[in-house]
Every structure is written in C-alpha cells, then in structure tokens.
C-alpha cells in the first residue's frame, strides 16, 4: 500500500488541538476501512515555529486520504505520495 504525506498549515494550533485532530484522523480511517475503503493514519510531525504539520497516511490512493482528512475536518494544503523510510525493528 502507498504512503502519502499530508501537509498542513495550522497557525494558532495547540497541542490539545493536534491531539484531537489526530484522534479524528484515526477514527476516520477506522470508519472508512470498515466501509471497504482502506486508509490508515500513521503519524504526524509538528513544527511549532512554522505552525506546520506533516502527517503520514497509508492508502491505495490519494482520494481516500483526502476523504479521511475531510471527514476528520482537518485542513491541509496538499497530499503527495511519499516513501516512509522508518528503519525496521
């Protein structure tokens, strides 16, 4: 399955806001997967000084990632295909 990077500009976002958005992204993925459209939130990286957040999702296509973010009501600037280079355990 492909990995997609979701870029966000989140001026004024607090850690509480980010935690709530993360929960909504996870839940949207669970709901969509249950409906036969597999998408999974992986993780986020927030850059406080720039108010930017980058989130990784796994899905077969970018449309599912877009839908998950729209369902979760989390704004984004773009969704692009990426390679997750996390080392194996």
Protein backbone atom coordinates (compact mmCIF):
# COMPACT_ATOMS: atom_id res chain seq x y z
CA UNK A 1 0.00 0.00 0.00
CA UNK A 2 1.21 3.51 -0.76
CA UNK A 3 2.20 6.13 1.81
CA UNK A 4 1.01 9.73 1.45
CA UNK A 5 2.27 12.88 3.14
CA UNK A 6 -0.38 15.41 4.13
CA UNK A 7 0.98 18.92 4.63
CA UNK A 8 -0.84 21.35 6.87
CA UNK A 9 -0.51 25.00 7.91
CA UNK A 10 -2.02 25.28 11.38
CA UNK A 11 -1.45 28.77 12.81
CA UNK A 12 -2.62 29.01 16.39
CA UNK A 13 -2.89 25.24 16.85
CA UNK A 14 -2.24 23.99 20.38
CA UNK A 15 -1.01 20.56 21.40
CA UNK A 16 -4.56 19.84 22.53
CA UNK A 17 -5.88 20.79 19.08
CA UNK A 18 -3.32 18.50 17.45
CA UNK A 19 -4.15 15.59 19.76
CA UNK A 20 -7.87 15.98 18.99
CA UNK A 21 -7.17 16.15 15.23
CA UNK A 22 -5.03 13.03 15.48
CA UNK A 23 -7.88 11.15 17.17
CA UNK A 24 -10.29 12.29 14.45
CA UNK A 25 -7.87 11.15 11.71
CA UNK A 26 -7.51 7.73 13.32
CA UNK A 27 -11.29 7.40 13.67
CA UNK A 28 -11.93 8.48 10.07
CA UNK A 29 -9.50 5.80 8.88
CA UNK A 30 -11.19 3.15 11.00
CA UNK A 31 -14.63 4.14 9.69
CA UNK A 32 -13.54 4.22 6.05
CA UNK A 33 -11.72 0.90 6.34
CA UNK A 34 -14.88 -0.59 7.82
CA UNK A 35 -16.72 0.63 4.72
CA UNK A 36 -14.21 -1.05 2.38
CA UNK A 37 -12.00 1.99 1.68
CA UNK A 38 -8.77 1.18 3.47
CA UNK A 39 -6.86 4.14 4.88
CA UNK A 40 -4.65 4.31 7.96
CA UNK A 41 -3.18 7.27 9.83
CA UNK A 42 0.49 6.52 10.62
CA UNK A 43 1.93 9.53 12.48
CA UNK A 44 2.49 13.29 12.48
CA UNK A 45 5.38 15.70 12.89
CA UNK A 46 4.62 19.25 14.02
CA UNK A 47 6.99 22.20 13.57
CA UNK A 48 5.76 24.74 16.14
CA UNK A 49 7.88 27.68 14.96
CA UNK A 50 6.35 27.43 11.50
CA UNK A 51 2.87 26.20 12.52
CA UNK A 52 3.30 23.36 10.03
CA UNK A 53 2.34 19.75 10.43
CA UNK A 54 3.18 16.80 8.23
CA UNK A 55 1.14 13.62 8.59
CA UNK A 56 1.66 10.21 7.04
CA UNK A 57 -1.22 8.04 5.89
CA UNK A 58 -1.29 4.64 4.21
CA UNK A 59 -3.89 4.05 1.48
CA UNK A 60 -4.20 2.64 -2.04
CA UNK A 61 -4.81 6.13 -3.49
CA UNK A 62 -4.73 9.82 -2.53
CA UNK A 63 -8.50 10.16 -2.82
CA UNK A 64 -9.02 8.00 0.28
CA UNK A 65 -6.50 10.12 2.18
CA UNK A 66 -8.31 13.29 1.10
CA UNK A 67 -11.66 11.87 2.20
CA UNK A 68 -10.28 10.81 5.59
CA UNK A 69 -8.93 14.30 6.23
CA UNK A 70 -12.15 15.94 5.11
CA UNK A 71 -14.19 13.61 7.36
CA UNK A 72 -11.89 14.46 10.25
CA UNK A 73 -12.27 18.19 9.47
CA UNK A 74 -8.51 18.75 9.47
CA UNK A 75 -7.32 21.41 6.99
CA UNK A 76 -4.50 20.55 4.61
CA UNK A 77 -2.57 22.26 1.85
CA UNK A 78 -1.62 19.22 -0.21
CA UNK A 79 -1.41 15.44 -0.32
CA UNK A 80 1.58 13.86 -2.04
CA UNK A 81 2.94 10.33 -2.46
CA UNK A 82 5.92 9.69 -0.17
CA UNK A 83 8.30 6.96 0.90
CA UNK A 84 8.40 6.14 4.62
CA UNK A 85 11.98 5.26 5.46
CA UNK A 86 11.44 4.25 9.09
CA UNK A 87 14.03 1.60 9.95
CA UNK A 88 12.71 -1.87 10.73
CA UNK A 89 12.67 -3.22 14.27
